[in-house]
Structures are given as structure tokens and as C-alpha cells.
Amino acid sequence: KQKHELTGPNQLWEMDMVQMCIDESGQWVYMFDVIDVYTREIVGHHESLRCRTKEALKALEKAIDNRNTENLTLRTDNGTQFRSRAFQRKLKELDIPHERTMINTPEENAHIESFHGTLKRSEIYRNHYSDIIDCKNSIAKFIERYNNRRPHSSVGKIPPTVYCKKVLNNLISRVK
């Protein structure tokens, strides 16, 4: 794992997949999501009944929309979606370096793994989704609250989006 000296947003993102069950049908829903390591903001996510590279790319495309990715590195685990030719081709096309964790080392993707713990405790385990639409809507509301209203201890006990805006407008320096 490379050590990154981060100085601002959009320098290192972590991406992973988490799954949840829809109660009525027993179907699995797969969510690919991307976190900005500097701000702890969820910058992209996509939920689907499928768990393919296509779905991973949808989350990535949402993340890069309206963001400066000039100095960005993307870190993932070794999931088949992230190793696929299509995923690698897209990263090359976007000129985004790809860093993969060592096998069986989730701590190397600690920020997205921590978010998944929060998501499970605060959203998934507390709700029953009737279908994929209900699941998507509920997850979207949770991420909106997480990014915009929930204080985060690692960014000065303010919400990640608020922290990001303050950093970009030079209203706050790095919280240690």
C-alpha cells in the first residue's frame, strides 16, 4: 500500500461494494460506492440487483461527474469488477491511476470499509426494503444525511460536504 500525503479533496478515493437483502423477495442488492479519503464524503454510489463491472463503472461515473480528477488515485480491493478489462480501460481513458490493496487486507481500504460499517448499523440493519426502488431511495437519503448533516469526527465534527466546501474556499485548514 502506498502512503499518500493528502492536501485536499479528490486526490485519493477508495471504492468497494457492499450487499444487502430485500426482505420480501430475498434478492440481493449490490451497492458500489466511492469515498473521498480526505473529506470522507461519499462522492458516488450505484445500487443494482447485478454485481458486474457495468455497475461499478456507474458508481465511478457518478463520482467523477463535476469533480476535478487531475491528481486523483483510485484505490480498490481485488474484486473481479475492479480487475476487469473494461474497468481498467475506463481508468486509463480518464487518466486515473489505480491502486489495489493486497489480498485479504480490508484495512488498506479502511475509509470505505468504515463507511460500510456505519451504513449497515445506521441504515441497512434498521430498515426493511420492499423492493430495489425502496432500497435505492432509502440509501440515497442516508447518503445525503451522511454527507450533508451527519458530523464526522475525522473532519472536525462537521459533515463531510461542509468540510469539503470550507477546504476548497480556504475557510479551514486540514483537520488532524
Protein backbone atom coordinates (compact mmCIF):
# COMPACT_ATOMS: atom_id res chain seq x y z
CA LYS A 1 0.00 0.00 0.00
CA GLN A 2 1.31 3.38 -0.95
CA LYS A 3 1.35 6.16 1.63
CA HIS A 4 -0.40 9.27 0.36
CA GLU A 5 0.23 12.74 1.77
CA LEU A 6 -3.14 14.27 1.04
CA THR A 7 -3.52 18.04 0.85
CA GLY A 8 -7.09 18.31 -0.39
CA PRO A 9 -10.16 16.64 -1.88
CA ASN A 10 -10.10 14.44 -4.99
CA GLN A 11 -6.59 13.10 -4.50
CA LEU A 12 -7.38 9.61 -3.17
CA TRP A 13 -10.67 7.80 -3.44
CA GLU A 14 -11.49 4.33 -2.18
CA MET A 15 -14.11 2.21 -3.90
CA ASP A 16 -15.78 -1.01 -2.86
CA MET A 17 -19.03 -2.99 -2.96
CA VAL A 18 -21.47 -3.84 -0.19
CA GLN A 19 -24.53 -6.06 -0.44
CA MET A 20 -27.90 -6.02 1.30
CA CYS A 21 -31.01 -8.14 1.13
CA ILE A 22 -34.52 -7.14 0.08
CA ASP A 23 -36.86 -8.71 2.64
CA GLU A 24 -39.86 -9.64 0.53
CA SER A 25 -38.06 -11.45 -2.27
CA GLY A 26 -34.77 -12.38 -0.62
CA GLN A 27 -32.96 -10.78 -3.56
CA TRP A 28 -29.55 -9.25 -3.00
CA VAL A 29 -28.88 -5.61 -3.80
CA TYR A 30 -25.29 -4.65 -4.55
CA MET A 31 -24.01 -1.14 -3.97
CA PHE A 32 -20.75 0.11 -5.39
CA ASP A 33 -19.62 3.29 -3.67
CA VAL A 34 -16.72 5.72 -3.67
CA ILE A 35 -15.40 7.77 -0.73
CA ASP A 36 -13.04 10.73 -0.83
CA VAL A 37 -10.39 9.82 1.77
CA TYR A 38 -9.59 13.47 2.55
CA THR A 39 -13.15 14.70 3.15
CA ARG A 40 -14.88 11.37 3.98
CA GLU A 41 -17.61 12.36 1.51
CA ILE A 42 -19.39 9.65 -0.47
CA VAL A 43 -18.80 11.02 -3.96
CA GLY A 44 -20.55 8.31 -5.96
CA HIS A 45 -22.71 5.24 -5.48
CA HIS A 46 -24.87 2.90 -7.51
CA GLU A 47 -27.26 0.17 -6.35
CA SER A 48 -28.38 -2.71 -8.53
CA LEU A 49 -29.62 -6.28 -8.49
CA ARG A 50 -26.49 -7.09 -10.53
CA CYS A 51 -22.86 -7.03 -9.41
CA ARG A 52 -20.96 -6.53 -12.64
CA THR A 53 -18.28 -4.19 -13.90
CA LYS A 54 -21.03 -2.16 -15.58
CA GLU A 55 -22.49 -1.32 -12.16
CA ALA A 56 -19.08 -0.47 -10.70
CA LEU A 57 -18.49 1.90 -13.62
CA LYS A 58 -21.83 3.63 -13.00
CA ALA A 59 -20.73 4.46 -9.43
CA LEU A 60 -17.37 5.71 -10.72
CA GLU A 61 -19.04 7.84 -13.40
CA LYS A 62 -21.28 9.44 -10.76
CA ALA A 63 -18.20 10.16 -8.66
CA ILE A 64 -16.20 11.84 -11.42
CA ASP A 65 -19.14 13.98 -12.56
CA ASN A 66 -18.34 17.65 -11.80
CA ARG A 67 -15.11 16.83 -9.95
CA ASN A 68 -11.51 17.62 -10.67
CA THR A 69 -9.77 14.26 -11.09
CA GLU A 70 -6.46 15.67 -12.30
CA ASN A 71 -4.44 14.43 -9.29
CA LEU A 72 -6.69 11.53 -8.32
CA THR A 73 -5.71 7.96 -7.47
CA LEU A 74 -8.40 5.31 -7.05
CA ARG A 75 -7.84 2.50 -4.55
CA THR A 76 -9.93 -0.70 -4.66
CA ASP A 77 -9.67 -4.24 -3.47
CA ASN A 78 -9.09 -7.06 -5.93
CA GLY A 79 -12.72 -7.71 -6.83
CA THR A 80 -13.27 -9.07 -10.31
CA GLN A 81 -15.14 -5.92 -11.35
CA PHE A 82 -12.12 -3.75 -10.49
CA ARG A 83 -9.66 -6.07 -12.27
CA SER A 84 -11.75 -6.32 -15.43
CA ARG A 85 -10.51 -5.03 -18.77
CA ALA A 86 -13.45 -2.62 -19.06
CA PHE A 87 -12.73 -1.07 -15.64
CA GLN A 88 -9.01 -0.78 -16.38
CA ARG A 89 -9.73 0.69 -19.81
CA LYS A 90 -12.04 3.34 -18.29
CA LEU A 91 -9.45 4.37 -15.70
CA LYS A 92 -6.80 4.63 -18.40
CA GLU A 93 -9.17 6.71 -20.54
CA LEU A 94 -9.77 9.01 -17.55
CA ASP A 95 -6.04 9.07 -16.71
CA ILE A 96 -6.76 7.92 -13.15
CA PRO A 97 -4.08 5.72 -11.58
CA HIS A 98 -5.44 2.54 -9.97
CA GLU A 99 -4.02 1.19 -6.74
CA ARG A 100 -5.21 -2.19 -5.48
CA THR A 101 -4.98 -3.46 -1.94
CA MET A 102 -3.20 -6.64 -1.01
CA ILE A 103 -5.46 -9.71 -0.93
CA ASN A 104 -7.39 -10.11 2.35
CA THR A 105 -6.39 -6.71 3.73
CA PRO A 106 -9.61 -4.69 4.13
CA GLU A 107 -7.73 -2.31 6.44
CA GLU A 108 -5.98 -0.95 3.35
CA ASN A 109 -9.39 0.31 2.20
CA ALA A 110 -10.24 1.38 5.75
CA HIS A 111 -12.25 4.51 4.95
CA ILE A 112 -14.80 2.84 2.65
CA GLU A 113 -14.93 -0.20 4.96
CA SER A 114 -15.65 2.11 7.91
CA PHE A 115 -18.41 3.79 5.93
CA HIS A 116 -19.90 0.37 5.17
CA GLY A 117 -19.99 -0.34 8.91
CA THR A 118 -21.83 2.93 9.52
CA LEU A 119 -24.19 2.25 6.61
CA LYS A 120 -25.03 -1.20 7.95
CA ARG A 121 -25.53 -0.09 11.57
CA SER A 122 -27.42 3.12 10.83
CA GLU A 123 -29.39 2.17 7.71
CA ILE A 124 -29.38 -1.41 6.43
CA TYR A 125 -29.91 -3.29 9.71
CA ARG A 126 -32.63 -0.84 10.80
CA ASN A 127 -34.76 -1.00 7.65
CA HIS A 128 -36.71 -3.49 5.61
CA TYR A 129 -36.70 -2.81 1.89
CA SER A 130 -39.75 -3.94 -0.05
CA ASP A 131 -38.02 -3.73 -3.44
CA ILE A 132 -35.00 -2.28 -5.25
CA ILE A 133 -36.64 1.15 -5.64
CA ASP A 134 -37.36 1.35 -1.90
CA CYS A 135 -33.76 0.31 -1.20
CA LYS A 136 -32.27 2.87 -3.62
CA ASN A 137 -34.42 5.69 -2.21
CA SER A 138 -33.57 4.84 1.37
CA ILE A 139 -29.83 4.54 0.65
CA ALA A 140 -29.86 7.87 -1.25
CA LYS A 141 -31.49 9.60 1.73
CA PHE A 142 -28.97 8.04 4.10
CA ILE A 143 -26.00 9.16 1.98
CA GLU A 144 -27.47 12.66 1.69
CA ARG A 145 -27.70 12.83 5.52
CA TYR A 146 -24.23 11.28 5.90
CA ASN A 147 -22.62 13.79 3.52
CA ASN A 148 -24.57 16.93 4.44
CA ARG A 149 -25.85 16.67 8.00
CA ARG A 150 -24.00 14.00 9.99
CA PRO A 151 -20.94 15.32 11.86
CA HIS A 152 -17.82 13.27 11.16
CA SER A 153 -15.14 13.05 13.85
CA SER A 154 -12.20 12.85 11.41
CA VAL A 155 -13.09 16.16 9.70
CA GLY A 156 -13.60 18.39 12.73
CA LYS A 157 -17.03 17.10 13.74
CA ILE A 158 -18.74 18.70 10.77
CA PRO A 159 -20.43 16.97 7.82
CA PRO A 160 -18.09 15.85 5.00
CA THR A 161 -19.66 18.12 2.33
CA VAL A 162 -19.43 21.14 4.64
CA TYR A 163 -15.79 20.29 5.33
CA CYS A 164 -15.05 19.92 1.62
CA LYS A 165 -16.59 23.31 0.79
CA LYS A 166 -14.67 25.01 3.61
CA VAL A 167 -11.38 23.46 2.45
CA LEU A 168 -11.99 24.44 -1.19
CA ASN A 169 -12.83 28.02 -0.12
CA ASN A 170 -9.77 28.21 2.18
CA LEU A 171 -12.02 28.71 5.22
CA ILE A 172 -10.49 25.82 7.13
CA SER A 173 -7.18 24.01 7.18
CA ARG A 174 -6.66 20.27 7.37
CA VAL A 175 -8.15 18.66 10.46
CA LYS A 176 -5.74 16.16 12.03
